[in-house]
Amino acid sequence: MRRPCLFIFITMIFVAGLHAVAFAQDKPQQPTIDVTGKGTVIVEPNMAVITFAIETSEKKAVDALKKNAQSMKRIMEAIKKTTKEHGTISTSNFSVYPLYERDSLGKDSSARQSPIAYRVNNSLTVQTSTIEEIGILIDTAVDAGANRIGSLSFTRDDLGQIQKQAAAKALENAMEYGEELAKTAGLVIDKILYIQYVPDGAVYRYQRMALAEDGVQTPVSPGRIPVEANVHVSFAVNPSK
């Protein structure tokens, strides 16, 4: 006698569930307007970040390492003397790899022999607040033995606070566009469904450096840098009364 009761009970739940789904499907979805706002704050940079490298090659790996270490020591001492307490230095890359000579006499031209030399590459990144002396810093590093100069960028030490200002401008921009679009379409904004903040990663301004002539400081022009942010906003809207 228990089986029929169980069947009826399950059937009632199933039917009730179908009614709930049908009710949810019949309910019209509220229309939305999705907008992306953009905010930009233009600032003067107060920090410079530059990468220097020393590359050395010798027949023996130990000799290449020793030569590179001696050169890097001179470079670091020269940079510390120039930046003083206004700069920080950190190693950004270090690599040692063998150099081969291809066997052109063998049947397989791609065959490799034993290493003929070893190359060592050591890079360091310098961050300094004395951006007006960045040209002097470049010349100092080159005079000390740096034979490669990587990227040079300018930024701010209070970048997080400036990004907040850019985000606030982006939200204001999105609100203005959302209200204007709703008004033009004969709608009114009911509420905000979500806000998504998307910071712009391109907050640095990279510079190309011209090589200086003997006795002339390397020219570097920092300029001004844009700090940008994007905000995606979704508005729920209703017909205008």
C-alpha atoms as a PDB file:
ATOM      1  CA  MET A   1       0.000   0.000   0.000  1.00  0.00           C
ATOM      2  CA  ARG A   2       2.956   2.374   0.430  1.00  0.00           C
ATOM      3  CA  ARG A   3       4.062   2.338  -3.209  1.00  0.00           C
ATOM      4  CA  PRO A   4       1.011   4.206  -4.657  1.00  0.00           C
ATOM      5  CA  CYS A   5       1.397   6.937  -2.023  1.00  0.00           C
ATOM      6  CA  LEU A   6       5.041   7.391  -2.913  1.00  0.00           C
ATOM      7  CA  PHE A   7       4.179   7.626  -6.618  1.00  0.00           C
ATOM      8  CA  ILE A   8       1.492  10.235  -6.008  1.00  0.00           C
ATOM      9  CA  PHE A   9       3.806  12.291  -3.794  1.00  0.00           C
ATOM     10  CA  ILE A  10       6.601  12.358  -6.381  1.00  0.00           C
ATOM     11  CA  THR A  11       4.124  13.200  -9.147  1.00  0.00           C
ATOM     12  CA  MET A  12       2.785  16.176  -7.191  1.00  0.00           C
ATOM     13  CA  ILE A  13       6.297  17.554  -6.680  1.00  0.00           C
ATOM     14  CA  PHE A  14       7.119  17.109 -10.365  1.00  0.00           C
ATOM     15  CA  VAL A  15       3.931  18.877 -11.483  1.00  0.00           C
ATOM     16  CA  ALA A  16       4.525  21.726  -9.041  1.00  0.00           C
ATOM     17  CA  GLY A  17       8.058  22.094 -10.408  1.00  0.00           C
ATOM     18  CA  LEU A  18       6.745  22.336 -13.961  1.00  0.00           C
ATOM     19  CA  HIS A  19       4.375  25.131 -12.915  1.00  0.00           C
ATOM     20  CA  ALA A  20       7.273  27.025 -11.273  1.00  0.00           C
ATOM     21  CA  VAL A  21       9.443  26.748 -14.405  1.00  0.00           C
ATOM     22  CA  ALA A  22       6.575  27.852 -16.625  1.00  0.00           C
ATOM     23  CA  PHE A  23       5.948  30.864 -14.379  1.00  0.00           C
ATOM     24  CA  ALA A  24       9.627  31.844 -14.514  1.00  0.00           C
ATOM     25  CA  GLN A  25       9.660  31.559 -18.295  1.00  0.00           C
ATOM     26  CA  ASP A  26       6.507  33.644 -18.661  1.00  0.00           C
ATOM     27  CA  LYS A  27       7.965  36.475 -16.562  1.00  0.00           C
ATOM     28  CA  PRO A  28       9.497  39.042 -18.980  1.00  0.00           C
ATOM     29  CA  GLN A  29      13.153  39.931 -18.464  1.00  0.00           C
ATOM     30  CA  GLN A  30      13.965  43.542 -17.690  1.00  0.00           C
ATOM     31  CA  PRO A  31      15.850  45.222 -20.568  1.00  0.00           C
ATOM     32  CA  THR A  32      19.396  46.422 -19.940  1.00  0.00           C
ATOM     33  CA  ILE A  33      21.893  48.914 -21.323  1.00  0.00           C
ATOM     34  CA  ASP A  34      25.583  47.986 -21.131  1.00  0.00           C
ATOM     35  CA  VAL A  35      28.136  50.792 -21.274  1.00  0.00           C
ATOM     36  CA  THR A  36      31.928  51.059 -21.061  1.00  0.00           C
ATOM     37  CA  GLY A  37      33.284  54.263 -19.572  1.00  0.00           C
ATOM     38  CA  LYS A  38      36.866  55.474 -19.863  1.00  0.00           C
ATOM     39  CA  GLY A  39      38.793  57.766 -17.552  1.00  0.00           C
ATOM     40  CA  THR A  40      42.238  59.292 -18.038  1.00  0.00           C
ATOM     41  CA  VAL A  41      44.448  61.265 -15.670  1.00  0.00           C
ATOM     42  CA  ILE A  42      47.538  62.955 -17.125  1.00  0.00           C
ATOM     43  CA  VAL A  43      50.405  63.256 -14.647  1.00  0.00           C
ATOM     44  CA  GLU A  44      54.054  64.199 -14.489  1.00  0.00           C
ATOM     45  CA  PRO A  45      56.238  61.135 -13.794  1.00  0.00           C
ATOM     46  CA  ASN A  46      58.382  61.086 -10.675  1.00  0.00           C
ATOM     47  CA  MET A  47      60.020  57.668 -11.113  1.00  0.00           C
ATOM     48  CA  ALA A  48      62.195  56.199 -13.871  1.00  0.00           C
ATOM     49  CA  VAL A  49      62.843  52.486 -14.438  1.00  0.00           C
ATOM     50  CA  ILE A  50      65.669  51.367 -16.725  1.00  0.00           C
ATOM     51  CA  THR A  51      67.438  48.077 -17.443  1.00  0.00           C
ATOM     52  CA  PHE A  52      71.179  47.695 -18.056  1.00  0.00           C
ATOM     53  CA  ALA A  53      72.977  44.525 -19.096  1.00  0.00           C
ATOM     54  CA  ILE A  54      76.510  43.256 -19.481  1.00  0.00           C
ATOM     55  CA  GLU A  55      77.230  40.456 -21.935  1.00  0.00           C
ATOM     56  CA  THR A  56      80.568  38.623 -21.931  1.00  0.00           C
ATOM     57  CA  SER A  57      81.945  35.641 -23.868  1.00  0.00           C
ATOM     58  CA  GLU A  58      84.974  33.441 -23.170  1.00  0.00           C
ATOM     59  CA  LYS A  59      86.161  29.976 -24.191  1.00  0.00           C
ATOM     60  CA  LYS A  60      85.590  28.673 -20.670  1.00  0.00           C
ATOM     61  CA  ALA A  61      82.366  29.203 -18.740  1.00  0.00           C
ATOM     62  CA  VAL A  62      84.237  30.034 -15.541  1.00  0.00           C
ATOM     63  CA  ASP A  63      86.214  32.760 -17.329  1.00  0.00           C
ATOM     64  CA  ALA A  64      83.051  34.229 -18.862  1.00  0.00           C
ATOM     65  CA  LEU A  65      81.393  34.270 -15.428  1.00  0.00           C
ATOM     66  CA  LYS A  66      84.409  35.887 -13.788  1.00  0.00           C
ATOM     67  CA  LYS A  67      84.697  38.570 -16.454  1.00  0.00           C
ATOM     68  CA  ASN A  68      80.970  39.309 -16.264  1.00  0.00           C
ATOM     69  CA  ALA A  69      81.009  39.515 -12.464  1.00  0.00           C
ATOM     70  CA  GLN A  70      83.881  42.009 -12.509  1.00  0.00           C
ATOM     71  CA  SER A  71      82.127  44.199 -15.072  1.00  0.00           C
ATOM     72  CA  MET A  72      78.806  44.050 -13.227  1.00  0.00           C
ATOM     73  CA  LYS A  73      80.495  45.029  -9.969  1.00  0.00           C
ATOM     74  CA  ARG A  74      81.905  48.170 -11.611  1.00  0.00           C
ATOM     75  CA  ILE A  75      78.514  49.031 -13.099  1.00  0.00           C
ATOM     76  CA  MET A  76      76.655  48.603  -9.803  1.00  0.00           C
ATOM     77  CA  GLU A  77      79.189  50.711  -7.902  1.00  0.00           C
ATOM     78  CA  ALA A  78      78.944  53.473 -10.510  1.00  0.00           C
ATOM     79  CA  ILE A  79      75.129  53.410 -10.475  1.00  0.00           C
ATOM     80  CA  LYS A  80      74.962  53.481  -6.664  1.00  0.00           C
ATOM     81  CA  LYS A  81      77.314  56.454  -6.638  1.00  0.00           C
ATOM     82  CA  THR A  82      75.080  58.292  -9.113  1.00  0.00           C
ATOM     83  CA  THR A  83      71.635  57.481  -7.680  1.00  0.00           C
ATOM     84  CA  LYS A  84      72.713  57.490  -4.004  1.00  0.00           C
ATOM     85  CA  GLU A  85      69.690  57.028  -1.724  1.00  0.00           C
ATOM     86  CA  HIS A  86      67.243  57.878  -4.526  1.00  0.00           C
ATOM     87  CA  GLY A  87      67.568  54.570  -6.377  1.00  0.00           C
ATOM     88  CA  THR A  88      67.123  50.825  -5.977  1.00  0.00           C
ATOM     89  CA  ILE A  89      68.955  48.116  -7.933  1.00  0.00           C
ATOM     90  CA  SER A  90      67.810  44.534  -8.544  1.00  0.00           C
ATOM     91  CA  THR A  91      68.938  41.689 -10.811  1.00  0.00           C
ATOM     92  CA  SER A  92      66.299  41.087 -13.483  1.00  0.00           C
ATOM     93  CA  ASN A  93      67.950  38.384 -15.608  1.00  0.00           C
ATOM     94  CA  PHE A  94      70.963  36.085 -15.518  1.00  0.00           C
ATOM     95  CA  SER A  95      71.856  33.425 -18.079  1.00  0.00           C
ATOM     96  CA  VAL A  96      74.798  31.281 -19.166  1.00  0.00           C
ATOM     97  CA  TYR A  97      74.729  29.343 -22.421  1.00  0.00           C
ATOM     98  CA  PRO A  98      77.241  27.650 -24.748  1.00  0.00           C
ATOM     99  CA  LEU A  99      78.143  28.802 -28.255  1.00  0.00           C
ATOM    100  CA  TYR A 100      78.588  26.192 -30.988  1.00  0.00           C
ATOM    101  CA  GLU A 101      80.187  26.141 -34.416  1.00  0.00           C
ATOM    102  CA  ARG A 102      78.340  24.113 -37.013  1.00  0.00           C
ATOM    103  CA  ASP A 103      80.258  21.335 -38.782  1.00  0.00           C
ATOM    104  CA  SER A 104      80.237  22.375 -42.452  1.00  0.00           C
ATOM    105  CA  LEU A 105      82.477  19.455 -43.471  1.00  0.00           C
ATOM    106  CA  GLY A 106      80.245  16.679 -42.207  1.00  0.00           C
ATOM    107  CA  LYS A 107      77.333  15.142 -44.047  1.00  0.00           C
ATOM    108  CA  ASP A 108      74.885  16.660 -41.594  1.00  0.00           C
ATOM    109  CA  SER A 109      75.373  20.435 -41.606  1.00  0.00           C
ATOM    110  CA  SER A 110      73.133  20.771 -38.540  1.00  0.00           C
ATOM    111  CA  ALA A 111      75.361  18.550 -36.406  1.00  0.00           C
ATOM    112  CA  ARG A 112      76.886  20.356 -33.452  1.00  0.00           C
ATOM    113  CA  GLN A 113      80.385  20.021 -32.107  1.00  0.00           C
ATOM    114  CA  SER A 114      81.599  20.753 -28.624  1.00  0.00           C
ATOM    115  CA  PRO A 115      81.036  24.324 -27.386  1.00  0.00           C
ATOM    116  CA  ILE A 116      83.599  26.787 -28.710  1.00  0.00           C
ATOM    117  CA  ALA A 117      82.748  29.430 -26.088  1.00  0.00           C
ATOM    118  CA  TYR A 118      80.307  30.426 -23.365  1.00  0.00           C
ATOM    119  CA  ARG A 119      78.256  33.582 -23.124  1.00  0.00           C
ATOM    120  CA  VAL A 120      77.014  35.174 -19.906  1.00  0.00           C
ATOM    121  CA  ASN A 121      74.250  37.768 -19.804  1.00  0.00           C
ATOM    122  CA  ASN A 122      73.519  39.631 -16.589  1.00  0.00           C
ATOM    123  CA  SER A 123      70.814  42.315 -16.426  1.00  0.00           C
ATOM    124  CA  LEU A 124      69.865  44.653 -13.625  1.00  0.00           C
ATOM    125  CA  THR A 125      66.922  47.004 -13.240  1.00  0.00           C
ATOM    126  CA  VAL A 126      67.387  50.437 -11.717  1.00  0.00           C
ATOM    127  CA  GLN A 127      64.527  52.461 -10.280  1.00  0.00           C
ATOM    128  CA  THR A 128      65.252  56.067  -9.399  1.00  0.00           C
ATOM    129  CA  SER A 129      63.347  59.183  -8.408  1.00  0.00           C
ATOM    130  CA  THR A 130      65.927  61.544  -9.911  1.00  0.00           C
ATOM    131  CA  ILE A 131      64.459  61.389 -13.405  1.00  0.00           C
ATOM    132  CA  GLU A 132      66.108  64.674 -14.362  1.00  0.00           C
ATOM    133  CA  GLU A 133      69.458  62.869 -14.112  1.00  0.00           C
ATOM    134  CA  ILE A 134      68.497  59.747 -16.076  1.00  0.00           C
ATOM    135  CA  GLY A 135      70.755  60.827 -18.952  1.00  0.00           C
ATOM    136  CA  ILE A 136      73.717  61.027 -16.578  1.00  0.00           C
ATOM    137  CA  LEU A 137      72.809  57.588 -15.197  1.00  0.00           C
ATOM    138  CA  ILE A 138      72.826  56.076 -18.699  1.00  0.00           C
ATOM    139  CA  ASP A 139      76.207  57.576 -19.532  1.00  0.00           C
ATOM    140  CA  THR A 140      77.613  56.422 -16.191  1.00  0.00           C
ATOM    141  CA  ALA A 141      76.487  52.830 -16.729  1.00  0.00           C
ATOM    142  CA  VAL A 142      77.859  52.723 -20.286  1.00  0.00           C
ATOM    143  CA  ASP A 143      81.195  54.215 -19.190  1.00  0.00           C
ATOM    144  CA  ALA A 144      81.384  51.553 -16.457  1.00  0.00           C
ATOM    145  CA  GLY A 145      80.979  48.746 -18.984  1.00  0.00           C
ATOM    146  CA  ALA A 146      77.276  48.221 -19.695  1.00  0.00           C
ATOM    147  CA  ASN A 147      77.020  47.109 -23.317  1.00  0.00           C
ATOM    148  CA  ARG A 148      73.250  46.721 -23.506  1.00  0.00           C
ATOM    149  CA  ILE A 149      70.465  49.083 -22.451  1.00  0.00           C
ATOM    150  CA  GLY A 150      66.964  47.680 -22.193  1.00  0.00           C
ATOM    151  CA  SER A 151      63.659  49.457 -21.766  1.00  0.00           C
ATOM    152  CA  LEU A 152      63.317  52.867 -20.166  1.00  0.00           C
ATOM    153  CA  SER A 153      59.977  53.764 -18.625  1.00  0.00           C
ATOM    154  CA  PHE A 154      58.510  56.497 -16.455  1.00  0.00           C
ATOM    155  CA  THR A 155      55.850  56.090 -13.790  1.00  0.00           C
ATOM    156  CA  ARG A 156      54.638  57.388 -10.416  1.00  0.00           C
ATOM    157  CA  ASP A 157      55.311  56.161  -6.902  1.00  0.00           C
ATOM    158  CA  ASP A 158      51.652  56.921  -6.022  1.00  0.00           C
ATOM    159  CA  LEU A 159      50.260  55.109  -9.054  1.00  0.00           C
ATOM    160  CA  GLY A 160      47.548  53.312  -7.066  1.00  0.00           C
ATOM    161  CA  GLN A 161      45.963  56.570  -5.931  1.00  0.00           C
ATOM    162  CA  ILE A 162      46.031  57.988  -9.452  1.00  0.00           C
ATOM    163  CA  GLN A 163      44.411  54.814 -10.817  1.00  0.00           C
ATOM    164  CA  LYS A 164      41.549  55.363  -8.353  1.00  0.00           C
ATOM    165  CA  GLN A 165      41.048  58.862  -9.761  1.00  0.00           C
ATOM    166  CA  ALA A 166      41.004  57.450 -13.295  1.00  0.00           C
ATOM    167  CA  ALA A 167      38.486  54.783 -12.220  1.00  0.00           C
ATOM    168  CA  ALA A 168      36.185  57.431 -10.724  1.00  0.00           C
ATOM    169  CA  LYS A 169      36.314  59.392 -13.983  1.00  0.00           C
ATOM    170  CA  ALA A 170      35.567  56.217 -15.938  1.00  0.00           C
ATOM    171  CA  LEU A 171      32.478  55.522 -13.822  1.00  0.00           C
ATOM    172  CA  GLU A 172      31.238  59.094 -14.288  1.00  0.00           C
ATOM    173  CA  ASN A 173      31.744  58.688 -18.025  1.00  0.00           C
ATOM    174  CA  ALA A 174      29.783  55.418 -18.054  1.00  0.00           C
ATOM    175  CA  MET A 175      26.928  56.966 -16.048  1.00  0.00           C
ATOM    176  CA  GLU A 176      26.684  59.892 -18.480  1.00  0.00           C
ATOM    177  CA  TYR A 177      26.564  57.599 -21.503  1.00  0.00           C
ATOM    178  CA  GLY A 178      24.068  55.263 -19.847  1.00  0.00           C
ATOM    179  CA  GLU A 179      21.676  58.086 -18.992  1.00  0.00           C
ATOM    180  CA  GLU A 180      21.990  59.629 -22.457  1.00  0.00           C
ATOM    181  CA  LEU A 181      21.363  56.318 -24.228  1.00  0.00           C
ATOM    182  CA  ALA A 182      18.363  55.552 -22.034  1.00  0.00           C
ATOM    183  CA  LYS A 183      16.899  59.014 -22.623  1.00  0.00           C
ATOM    184  CA  THR A 184      17.343  58.760 -26.387  1.00  0.00           C
ATOM    185  CA  ALA A 185      15.675  55.336 -26.420  1.00  0.00           C
ATOM    186  CA  GLY A 186      12.710  56.546 -24.364  1.00  0.00           C
ATOM    187  CA  LEU A 187      13.797  54.638 -21.284  1.00  0.00           C
ATOM    188  CA  VAL A 188      14.719  55.463 -17.711  1.00  0.00           C
ATOM    189  CA  ILE A 189      17.419  53.822 -15.622  1.00  0.00           C
ATOM    190  CA  ASP A 190      15.973  51.680 -12.848  1.00  0.00           C
ATOM    191  CA  LYS A 191      19.144  50.446 -11.165  1.00  0.00           C
ATOM    192  CA  ILE A 192      22.734  49.374 -11.738  1.00  0.00           C
ATOM    193  CA  LEU A 193      23.093  45.616 -12.112  1.00  0.00           C
ATOM    194  CA  TYR A 194      26.878  45.423 -11.938  1.00  0.00           C
ATOM    195  CA  ILE A 195      30.075  47.464 -12.205  1.00  0.00           C
ATOM    196  CA  GLN A 196      33.316  45.952 -13.485  1.00  0.00           C
ATOM    197  CA  TYR A 197      36.570  47.865 -13.063  1.00  0.00           C
ATOM    198  CA  VAL A 198      39.282  47.221 -15.664  1.00  0.00           C
ATOM    199  CA  PRO A 199      42.570  49.040 -14.967  1.00  0.00           C
ATOM    200  CA  ASP A 200      44.715  49.829 -17.974  1.00  0.00           C
ATOM    201  CA  GLY A 201      48.087  48.121 -17.791  1.00  0.00           C
ATOM    202  CA  ALA A 202      49.748  50.614 -20.136  1.00  0.00           C
ATOM    203  CA  VAL A 203      50.574  53.170 -17.479  1.00  0.00           C
ATOM    204  CA  TYR A 204      54.197  53.575 -18.477  1.00  0.00           C
ATOM    205  CA  ARG A 205      55.530  55.698 -21.258  1.00  0.00           C
ATOM    206  CA  TYR A 206      58.492  54.092 -22.979  1.00  0.00           C
ATOM    207  CA  GLN A 207      61.109  56.293 -24.558  1.00  0.00           C
ATOM    208  CA  ARG A 208      63.590  55.798 -27.365  1.00  0.00           C
ATOM    209  CA  MET A 209      67.053  56.986 -26.436  1.00  0.00           C
ATOM    210  CA  ALA A 210      69.388  58.673 -28.881  1.00  0.00           C
ATOM    211  CA  LEU A 211      73.064  57.802 -28.577  1.00  0.00           C
ATOM    212  CA  ALA A 212      75.047  60.699 -27.203  1.00  0.00           C
ATOM    213  CA  GLU A 213      78.171  62.078 -28.815  1.00  0.00           C
ATOM    214  CA  ASP A 214      81.419  62.178 -26.869  1.00  0.00           C
ATOM    215  CA  GLY A 215      81.188  64.698 -24.069  1.00  0.00           C
ATOM    216  CA  VAL A 216      77.447  65.217 -24.539  1.00  0.00           C
ATOM    217  CA  GLN A 217      74.867  63.880 -22.078  1.00  0.00           C
ATOM    218  CA  THR A 218      72.431  61.326 -23.490  1.00  0.00           C
ATOM    219  CA  PRO A 219      69.180  63.251 -24.185  1.00  0.00           C
ATOM    220  CA  VAL A 220      66.070  61.876 -22.463  1.00  0.00           C
ATOM    221  CA  SER A 221      62.670  63.584 -22.364  1.00  0.00           C
ATOM    222  CA  PRO A 222      60.208  62.067 -19.841  1.00  0.00           C
ATOM    223  CA  GLY A 223      57.142  64.044 -20.942  1.00  0.00           C
ATOM    224  CA  ARG A 224      53.795  63.367 -19.260  1.00  0.00           C
ATOM    225  CA  ILE A 225      52.150  59.970 -18.831  1.00  0.00           C
ATOM    226  CA  PRO A 226      48.460  59.004 -19.122  1.00  0.00           C
ATOM    227  CA  VAL A 227      46.985  56.765 -16.437  1.00  0.00           C
ATOM    228  CA  GLU A 228      43.833  55.148 -17.806  1.00  0.00           C
ATOM    229  CA  ALA A 229      40.999  52.987 -16.490  1.00  0.00           C
ATOM    230  CA  ASN A 230      37.896  51.379 -17.968  1.00  0.00           C
ATOM    231  CA  VAL A 231      34.619  50.582 -16.208  1.00  0.00           C
ATOM    232  CA  HIS A 232      31.906  48.299 -17.590  1.00  0.00           C
ATOM    233  CA  VAL A 233      28.423  49.100 -16.228  1.00  0.00           C
ATOM    234  CA  SER A 234      25.138  47.297 -16.837  1.00  0.00           C
ATOM    235  CA  PHE A 235      21.930  49.304 -16.235  1.00  0.00           C
ATOM    236  CA  ALA A 236      18.452  47.851 -15.814  1.00  0.00           C
ATOM    237  CA  VAL A 237      15.969  50.136 -17.591  1.00  0.00           C
ATOM    238  CA  ASN A 238      12.211  50.636 -17.794  1.00  0.00           C
ATOM    239  CA  PRO A 239       9.990  52.398 -20.334  1.00  0.00           C
ATOM    240  CA  SER A 240       9.677  56.113 -19.684  1.00  0.00           C
ATOM    241  CA  LYS A 241       6.264  57.111 -18.299  1.00  0.00           C
END
